[in-house]
Structures are given as C-alpha cells and as structure tokens.
C-alpha cells in the first residue's frame, strides 16, 4: 500500500512524566498509534496534529497597555506583551480580540479612600501600538469633563 500523497492530520504520542512532556513519535494511522500508546502504558497520550503547507501560520501576541486617569490627568505605561498568551494562528480572522477594560471597582475604592477620581484602563490588542491606542482613547473619554 502506497502512502497518501497529502496527509492533513497525523497522530503523535506524547509522554508525560511529572511536570515534563516529551514527543515520542507521530504516524498517520490513528489505530496503530493508539495501540502503541496503550502498549507503552500510563503517561502516554495520543494527540492529533495538523500538518500544514510550508510557510503557513504566524505567531499572534497579546499586548496590554495600562493607563491611569487621575483627576483628569492621563498617565500611560509602556505596553507589555502578556507572557503565555501568544499563540500560533493560521488566518487573520483568528487574531486575538481587541478590547478595553475599565476597573470601576478600583476607581470607586480609591475615590472612597483618597478622595480623588481615578480610573484604571487596560487596552488589549495584537500589537503594542494598538493596545496603547485603545487604552488612551478610553482614558481621554474618561478624562474629559
């Protein structure tokens, strides 16, 4: 039997020991791989793996920019890449969702304790510039009387 000309998914055996994982091997025949993993015993798992054409995919990062608005004054921190949030994507439609969060509870607490208006704004996006733009735009809205 000749091998298929185009394999889009193969099956890998991953061995997990304590806190470490090790790649054992990968084959196109799921029943065969399942048999091997069963025979190897506990700690061996079968995982489907997509095989992609050369040059496919890119890494998408998630950036956060924190902005503080105190009594109308805007203070912008440098955007930071969120470690552990990066992922491999295969289509621009899968880019991380852009959004802005305003921590209203922290602002209300600071108003009660210190007596001044403070807003904590965080912008999230797939680039540092866009995260900053989102956070600053929201901060300007909150800073205006």
N, C-alpha and C. Protein backbone atom coordinates (compact mmCIF):
# COMPACT_ATOMS: atom_id res chain seq x y z
N UNK A 1 0.84 -1.18 0.00
CA UNK A 1 0.00 0.00 0.00
C UNK A 1 0.88 1.24 0.00
N UNK A 2 0.65 2.16 -0.93
CA UNK A 2 1.46 3.37 -1.01
C UNK A 2 0.91 4.43 -0.05
N UNK A 3 1.80 5.27 0.49
CA UNK A 3 1.35 6.29 1.43
C UNK A 3 0.51 7.34 0.71
N UNK A 4 -0.41 7.98 1.43
CA UNK A 4 -1.21 9.02 0.81
C UNK A 4 -0.32 10.18 0.38
N UNK A 5 -0.74 10.88 -0.66
CA UNK A 5 0.07 11.98 -1.18
C UNK A 5 -0.07 13.23 -0.32
N UNK A 6 -1.18 13.40 0.36
CA UNK A 6 -1.37 14.58 1.20
C UNK A 6 -1.98 14.16 2.53
N UNK A 7 -1.21 14.30 3.58
CA UNK A 7 -1.70 14.00 4.92
C UNK A 7 -2.00 15.33 5.60
N UNK A 8 -3.21 15.52 6.08
CA UNK A 8 -3.56 16.77 6.74
C UNK A 8 -3.58 16.63 8.26
N UNK A 9 -3.60 15.37 8.74
CA UNK A 9 -3.57 15.17 10.18
C UNK A 9 -2.81 13.88 10.47
N UNK A 10 -1.95 13.95 11.44
CA UNK A 10 -1.24 12.78 11.92
C UNK A 10 -1.49 12.67 13.42
N UNK A 11 -1.04 11.58 14.01
CA UNK A 11 -1.29 11.34 15.43
C UNK A 11 0.05 11.13 16.13
N UNK A 12 0.25 11.90 17.18
CA UNK A 12 1.51 11.86 17.91
C UNK A 12 1.32 11.20 19.26
N UNK A 13 2.38 10.57 19.73
CA UNK A 13 2.41 10.05 21.09
C UNK A 13 3.24 11.03 21.92
N UNK A 14 2.63 11.49 23.00
CA UNK A 14 3.29 12.38 23.94
C UNK A 14 3.42 11.64 25.26
N UNK A 15 4.62 11.64 25.83
CA UNK A 15 4.85 11.01 27.12
C UNK A 15 4.93 12.12 28.17
N UNK A 16 4.11 12.00 29.20
CA UNK A 16 4.15 12.98 30.29
C UNK A 16 4.72 12.31 31.54
N UNK A 17 5.74 12.93 32.06
CA UNK A 17 6.40 12.47 33.28
C UNK A 17 6.50 13.65 34.23
N UNK A 18 5.88 13.54 35.38
CA UNK A 18 5.87 14.62 36.37
C UNK A 18 5.38 15.90 35.69
N UNK A 19 6.25 16.92 35.61
CA UNK A 19 5.86 18.20 35.01
C UNK A 19 6.39 18.36 33.58
N UNK A 20 6.96 17.30 33.01
CA UNK A 20 7.56 17.41 31.68
C UNK A 20 6.76 16.60 30.67
N UNK A 21 6.82 17.03 29.42
CA UNK A 21 6.20 16.30 28.32
C UNK A 21 7.27 16.07 27.26
N UNK A 22 7.22 14.90 26.65
CA UNK A 22 8.20 14.53 25.64
C UNK A 22 7.47 13.97 24.42
N UNK A 23 7.87 14.45 23.24
CA UNK A 23 7.34 13.94 21.99
C UNK A 23 8.02 12.60 21.70
N UNK A 24 7.22 11.55 21.45
CA UNK A 24 7.76 10.23 21.18
C UNK A 24 7.84 9.96 19.68
N UNK A 25 6.74 10.24 18.95
CA UNK A 25 6.71 9.99 17.52
C UNK A 25 5.33 10.31 16.98
N UNK A 26 5.21 10.31 15.64
CA UNK A 26 3.92 10.63 15.00
C UNK A 26 3.74 9.78 13.75
N UNK A 27 2.50 9.31 13.52
CA UNK A 27 2.15 8.46 12.39
C UNK A 27 0.77 8.85 11.87
N UNK A 28 0.46 8.51 10.62
CA UNK A 28 -0.85 8.87 10.06
C UNK A 28 -1.97 7.89 10.44
N UNK A 29 -1.64 6.75 11.03
CA UNK A 29 -2.63 5.71 11.30
C UNK A 29 -3.04 5.74 12.78
N UNK A 30 -4.21 6.34 13.08
CA UNK A 30 -4.64 6.52 14.46
C UNK A 30 -4.77 5.20 15.23
N UNK A 31 -5.39 4.16 14.66
CA UNK A 31 -5.48 2.91 15.42
C UNK A 31 -4.11 2.34 15.80
N UNK A 32 -3.14 2.44 14.89
CA UNK A 32 -1.80 1.95 15.17
C UNK A 32 -1.16 2.75 16.30
N UNK A 33 -1.30 4.07 16.24
CA UNK A 33 -0.71 4.95 17.26
C UNK A 33 -1.37 4.70 18.62
N UNK A 34 -2.69 4.52 18.60
CA UNK A 34 -3.40 4.23 19.85
C UNK A 34 -2.91 2.92 20.46
N UNK A 35 -2.70 1.93 19.62
CA UNK A 35 -2.17 0.64 20.09
C UNK A 35 -0.79 0.82 20.72
N UNK A 36 0.09 1.57 20.05
CA UNK A 36 1.43 1.80 20.59
C UNK A 36 1.36 2.50 21.95
N UNK A 37 0.52 3.55 22.05
CA UNK A 37 0.41 4.29 23.31
C UNK A 37 -0.13 3.39 24.42
N UNK A 38 -1.11 2.55 24.09
CA UNK A 38 -1.65 1.62 25.08
C UNK A 38 -0.57 0.65 25.56
N UNK A 39 0.22 0.16 24.62
CA UNK A 39 1.27 -0.79 24.97
C UNK A 39 2.38 -0.12 25.79
N UNK A 40 2.67 1.14 25.49
CA UNK A 40 3.69 1.86 26.27
C UNK A 40 3.22 2.09 27.71
N UNK A 41 1.91 2.23 27.90
CA UNK A 41 1.37 2.31 29.25
C UNK A 41 1.03 3.72 29.72
N UNK A 42 0.74 3.83 31.02
CA UNK A 42 0.33 5.12 31.60
C UNK A 42 1.33 6.23 31.31
N UNK A 43 0.81 7.41 31.12
CA UNK A 43 1.65 8.57 30.83
C UNK A 43 1.87 8.80 29.35
N UNK A 44 1.33 7.92 28.49
CA UNK A 44 1.46 8.08 27.04
C UNK A 44 0.10 8.42 26.45
N UNK A 45 0.05 9.53 25.71
CA UNK A 45 -1.22 10.04 25.19
C UNK A 45 -1.12 10.25 23.68
N UNK A 46 -2.23 9.99 22.99
CA UNK A 46 -2.31 10.23 21.55
C UNK A 46 -2.94 11.60 21.33
N UNK A 47 -2.26 12.41 20.52
CA UNK A 47 -2.71 13.77 20.24
C UNK A 47 -2.76 13.97 18.73
N UNK A 48 -3.92 14.44 18.19
CA UNK A 48 -3.96 14.75 16.76
C UNK A 48 -3.10 16.00 16.46
N UNK A 49 -2.39 15.95 15.35
CA UNK A 49 -1.51 17.05 14.96
C UNK A 49 -1.82 17.41 13.52
N UNK A 50 -2.08 18.68 13.26
CA UNK A 50 -2.32 19.13 11.88
C UNK A 50 -1.00 19.30 11.16
N UNK A 51 -0.97 18.85 9.90
CA UNK A 51 0.19 19.05 9.05
C UNK A 51 -0.18 20.15 8.06
N UNK A 52 0.61 21.20 8.04
CA UNK A 52 0.28 22.38 7.25
C UNK A 52 1.29 22.59 6.13
N UNK A 53 0.87 23.28 5.08
CA UNK A 53 1.80 23.58 3.99
C UNK A 53 2.94 24.48 4.49
N UNK A 54 4.10 24.43 3.84
CA UNK A 54 5.22 25.29 4.24
C UNK A 54 4.82 26.76 4.24
N UNK A 55 5.31 27.48 5.23
CA UNK A 55 5.06 28.92 5.29
C UNK A 55 3.72 29.31 5.86
N UNK A 56 2.93 28.34 6.29
CA UNK A 56 1.60 28.63 6.84
C UNK A 56 1.70 28.94 8.32
N UNK A 57 1.01 29.99 8.75
CA UNK A 57 0.93 30.30 10.17
C UNK A 57 1.80 31.48 10.57
N UNK A 58 1.41 32.08 11.67
CA UNK A 58 2.17 33.17 12.26
C UNK A 58 1.88 33.17 13.75
N UNK A 59 2.75 33.82 14.51
CA UNK A 59 2.55 33.93 15.94
C UNK A 59 1.80 35.23 16.22
N UNK A 60 0.73 35.12 16.98
CA UNK A 60 -0.03 36.30 17.40
C UNK A 60 0.21 36.51 18.89
N UNK A 61 0.58 37.71 19.24
CA UNK A 61 0.82 38.06 20.64
C UNK A 61 -0.38 38.84 21.17
N UNK A 62 -0.49 38.90 22.47
CA UNK A 62 -1.48 39.76 23.11
C UNK A 62 -0.70 40.79 23.92
N UNK A 63 -0.99 42.05 23.64
CA UNK A 63 -0.34 43.16 24.34
C UNK A 63 -1.36 43.85 25.23
N UNK A 64 -0.86 44.36 26.37
CA UNK A 64 -1.71 45.11 27.29
C UNK A 64 -1.04 46.45 27.56
N UNK A 65 -1.84 47.50 27.53
CA UNK A 65 -1.35 48.82 27.90
C UNK A 65 -2.23 49.34 29.03
N UNK A 66 -1.58 49.71 30.13
CA UNK A 66 -2.30 50.23 31.30
C UNK A 66 -2.20 51.75 31.32
N UNK A 67 -3.35 52.38 31.53
CA UNK A 67 -3.42 53.83 31.60
C UNK A 67 -4.19 54.19 32.86
N UNK A 68 -3.70 55.20 33.57
CA UNK A 68 -4.38 55.68 34.77
C UNK A 68 -4.82 57.11 34.52
N UNK A 69 -6.06 57.39 34.86
CA UNK A 69 -6.59 58.75 34.75
C UNK A 69 -6.87 59.22 36.18
N UNK A 70 -6.14 60.25 36.63
CA UNK A 70 -6.31 60.78 37.99
C UNK A 70 -6.70 62.24 37.90
N UNK A 71 -7.92 62.53 38.35
CA UNK A 71 -8.44 63.91 38.32
C UNK A 71 -8.21 64.57 36.95
N UNK A 72 -8.45 63.82 35.88
CA UNK A 72 -8.34 64.34 34.52
C UNK A 72 -6.96 64.22 33.89
N UNK A 73 -5.93 63.86 34.66
CA UNK A 73 -4.58 63.71 34.15
C UNK A 73 -4.38 62.26 33.68
N UNK A 74 -3.79 62.09 32.51
CA UNK A 74 -3.60 60.76 31.92
C UNK A 74 -2.14 60.34 32.05
N UNK A 75 -1.92 59.14 32.60
CA UNK A 75 -0.58 58.57 32.73
C UNK A 75 -0.57 57.24 31.99
N UNK A 76 0.27 57.14 30.97
CA UNK A 76 0.31 55.95 30.11
C UNK A 76 1.56 55.13 30.40
N UNK A 77 1.38 53.86 30.76
CA UNK A 77 2.51 52.94 30.94
C UNK A 77 2.92 52.38 29.58
N UNK A 78 4.14 51.86 29.52
CA UNK A 78 4.59 51.20 28.30
C UNK A 78 3.79 49.91 28.11
N UNK A 79 3.36 49.62 26.89
CA UNK A 79 2.65 48.36 26.65
C UNK A 79 3.55 47.16 26.97
N UNK A 80 2.93 46.10 27.46
CA UNK A 80 3.65 44.88 27.81
C UNK A 80 3.04 43.71 27.06
N UNK A 81 3.90 42.84 26.54
CA UNK A 81 3.40 41.60 25.92
C UNK A 81 3.05 40.64 27.05
N UNK A 82 1.87 40.05 26.98
CA UNK A 82 1.43 39.11 28.01
C UNK A 82 2.09 37.75 27.77
N UNK A 83 2.96 37.37 28.66
CA UNK A 83 3.66 36.10 28.53
C UNK A 83 2.66 34.96 28.68
N UNK A 84 2.78 33.97 27.83
CA UNK A 84 1.88 32.83 27.87
C UNK A 84 0.60 33.02 27.07
N UNK A 85 0.36 34.22 26.56
CA UNK A 85 -0.86 34.47 25.80
C UNK A 85 -0.64 34.36 24.28
N UNK A 86 0.60 34.27 23.84
CA UNK A 86 0.89 34.15 22.40
C UNK A 86 0.41 32.80 21.89
N UNK A 87 -0.04 32.81 20.65
CA UNK A 87 -0.47 31.53 20.07
C UNK A 87 -0.23 31.54 18.56
N UNK A 88 -0.19 30.35 18.00
CA UNK A 88 0.01 30.18 16.57
C UNK A 88 -1.34 30.29 15.89
N UNK A 89 -1.42 31.12 14.86
CA UNK A 89 -2.68 31.27 14.12
C UNK A 89 -2.45 31.01 12.65
N UNK A 90 -3.52 30.70 11.96
CA UNK A 90 -3.42 30.34 10.55
C UNK A 90 -4.26 31.22 9.65
N UNK A 91 -4.91 32.22 10.22
CA UNK A 91 -5.80 33.09 9.46
C UNK A 91 -5.94 34.38 10.25
N UNK A 92 -5.91 35.52 9.57
CA UNK A 92 -6.04 36.80 10.28
C UNK A 92 -7.34 36.92 11.05
N UNK A 93 -8.35 36.16 10.65
CA UNK A 93 -9.62 36.20 11.37
C UNK A 93 -9.46 35.66 12.79
N UNK A 94 -8.38 34.95 13.04
CA UNK A 94 -8.15 34.36 14.36
C UNK A 94 -7.29 35.23 15.26
N UNK A 95 -7.00 36.47 14.87
CA UNK A 95 -6.21 37.35 15.72
C UNK A 95 -6.91 37.55 17.05
N UNK A 96 -6.15 37.76 18.13
CA UNK A 96 -6.78 37.97 19.43
C UNK A 96 -7.75 39.14 19.40
N UNK A 97 -8.83 39.00 20.16
CA UNK A 97 -9.87 40.02 20.20
C UNK A 97 -9.35 41.28 20.88
N UNK A 98 -9.60 42.42 20.27
CA UNK A 98 -9.24 43.70 20.88
C UNK A 98 -10.32 44.08 21.88
N UNK A 99 -9.91 44.60 23.03
CA UNK A 99 -10.89 45.09 23.98
C UNK A 99 -10.25 46.01 25.00
N UNK A 100 -11.11 46.74 25.70
CA UNK A 100 -10.69 47.69 26.73
C UNK A 100 -11.44 47.36 28.00
N UNK A 101 -10.72 47.36 29.12
CA UNK A 101 -11.34 47.14 30.42
C UNK A 101 -11.10 48.36 31.30
N UNK A 102 -12.14 48.80 32.00
CA UNK A 102 -12.02 49.86 32.98
C UNK A 102 -12.37 49.24 34.32
N UNK A 103 -11.42 49.29 35.27
CA UNK A 103 -11.64 48.72 36.59
C UNK A 103 -12.40 49.72 37.44
N UNK A 104 -13.72 49.64 37.38
CA UNK A 104 -14.57 50.60 38.09
C UNK A 104 -14.53 50.39 39.60
N UNK A 105 -14.36 49.15 40.04
CA UNK A 105 -14.30 48.89 41.49
C UNK A 105 -13.06 49.53 42.11
N UNK A 106 -11.92 49.41 41.44
CA UNK A 106 -10.69 50.02 41.96
C UNK A 106 -10.83 51.54 42.00
N UNK A 107 -11.45 52.11 40.97
CA UNK A 107 -11.66 53.56 40.93
C UNK A 107 -12.57 54.03 42.06
N UNK A 108 -13.65 53.29 42.30
CA UNK A 108 -14.58 53.65 43.37
C UNK A 108 -13.90 53.54 44.73
N UNK A 109 -13.09 52.51 44.93
CA UNK A 109 -12.37 52.34 46.19
C UNK A 109 -11.39 53.49 46.42
N UNK A 110 -10.65 53.86 45.39
CA UNK A 110 -9.70 54.97 45.54
C UNK A 110 -10.43 56.28 45.82
N UNK A 111 -11.59 56.48 45.21
CA UNK A 111 -12.37 57.69 45.48
C UNK A 111 -12.80 57.72 46.94
N UNK A 112 -13.22 56.57 47.47
CA UNK A 112 -13.64 56.50 48.87
C UNK A 112 -12.47 56.72 49.83
N UNK A 113 -11.32 56.11 49.51
CA UNK A 113 -10.18 56.15 50.42
C UNK A 113 -9.40 57.45 50.30
N UNK A 114 -9.09 57.87 49.08
CA UNK A 114 -8.22 59.03 48.87
C UNK A 114 -8.95 60.30 48.47
N UNK A 115 -10.20 60.17 48.08
CA UNK A 115 -10.99 61.34 47.74
C UNK A 115 -10.74 61.94 46.37
N UNK A 116 -10.09 61.22 45.49
CA UNK A 116 -9.89 61.75 44.13
C UNK A 116 -10.42 60.74 43.11
N UNK A 117 -10.72 61.27 41.95
CA UNK A 117 -11.22 60.45 40.85
C UNK A 117 -10.05 59.76 40.17
N UNK A 118 -10.07 58.45 40.14
CA UNK A 118 -9.02 57.71 39.44
C UNK A 118 -9.68 56.56 38.68
N UNK A 119 -9.26 56.40 37.43
CA UNK A 119 -9.74 55.30 36.58
C UNK A 119 -8.53 54.49 36.13
N UNK A 120 -8.68 53.17 36.19
CA UNK A 120 -7.64 52.27 35.71
C UNK A 120 -8.16 51.64 34.42
N UNK A 121 -7.44 51.90 33.32
CA UNK A 121 -7.86 51.46 31.99
C UNK A 121 -6.80 50.51 31.44
N UNK A 122 -7.27 49.42 30.82
CA UNK A 122 -6.35 48.48 30.19
C UNK A 122 -6.85 48.19 28.77
N UNK A 123 -5.96 48.38 27.80
CA UNK A 123 -6.27 48.06 26.42
C UNK A 123 -5.53 46.80 26.01
N UNK A 124 -6.23 45.92 25.32
CA UNK A 124 -5.66 44.64 24.88
C UNK A 124 -5.78 44.54 23.36
N UNK A 125 -4.68 44.16 22.70
CA UNK A 125 -4.69 44.03 21.23
C UNK A 125 -3.50 43.17 20.80
N UNK A 126 -3.41 42.91 19.50
CA UNK A 126 -2.35 42.06 18.97
C UNK A 126 -1.07 42.83 18.65
N UNK A 127 -1.06 44.14 18.90
CA UNK A 127 0.17 44.91 18.75
C UNK A 127 0.25 45.92 19.90
N UNK A 128 1.47 46.31 20.24
CA UNK A 128 1.66 47.26 21.34
C UNK A 128 1.03 48.61 21.01
N UNK A 129 1.17 49.03 19.75
CA UNK A 129 0.64 50.32 19.33
C UNK A 129 -0.89 50.34 19.45
N UNK A 130 -1.53 49.27 18.99
CA UNK A 130 -2.99 49.22 19.03
C UNK A 130 -3.50 49.15 20.47
N UNK A 131 -2.81 48.40 21.33
CA UNK A 131 -3.21 48.33 22.74
C UNK A 131 -3.13 49.71 23.37
N UNK A 132 -2.06 50.44 23.06
CA UNK A 132 -1.91 51.81 23.58
C UNK A 132 -3.02 52.72 23.05
N UNK A 133 -3.28 52.65 21.75
CA UNK A 133 -4.31 53.50 21.15
C UNK A 133 -5.69 53.26 21.79
N UNK A 134 -6.03 51.98 22.00
CA UNK A 134 -7.32 51.66 22.61
C UNK A 134 -7.42 52.20 24.03
N UNK A 135 -6.37 51.99 24.83
CA UNK A 135 -6.39 52.43 26.22
C UNK A 135 -6.41 53.96 26.32
N UNK A 136 -5.62 54.62 25.50
CA UNK A 136 -5.56 56.08 25.55
C UNK A 136 -6.88 56.69 25.09
N UNK A 137 -7.50 56.13 24.07
CA UNK A 137 -8.80 56.66 23.60
C UNK A 137 -9.85 56.58 24.71
N UNK A 138 -9.90 55.46 25.41
CA UNK A 138 -10.85 55.33 26.51
C UNK A 138 -10.49 56.27 27.66
N UNK A 139 -9.20 56.41 27.94
CA UNK A 139 -8.76 57.32 29.00
C UNK A 139 -9.15 58.76 28.70
N UNK A 140 -9.02 59.18 27.45
CA UNK A 140 -9.41 60.54 27.07
C UNK A 140 -10.89 60.77 27.29
N UNK A 141 -11.69 59.77 27.00
CA UNK A 141 -13.13 59.86 27.23
C UNK A 141 -13.41 60.02 28.72
N UNK A 142 -12.74 59.26 29.54
CA UNK A 142 -12.94 59.35 30.99
C UNK A 142 -12.38 60.64 31.58
N UNK A 143 -11.33 61.21 30.97
CA UNK A 143 -10.69 62.43 31.50
C UNK A 143 -11.47 63.68 31.17
N UNK A 144 -12.28 63.63 30.11
CA UNK A 144 -13.00 64.85 29.72
C UNK A 144 -14.18 65.09 30.67
N UNK A 145 -14.39 66.37 31.02
CA UNK A 145 -15.46 66.69 31.98
C UNK A 145 -16.86 66.46 31.46
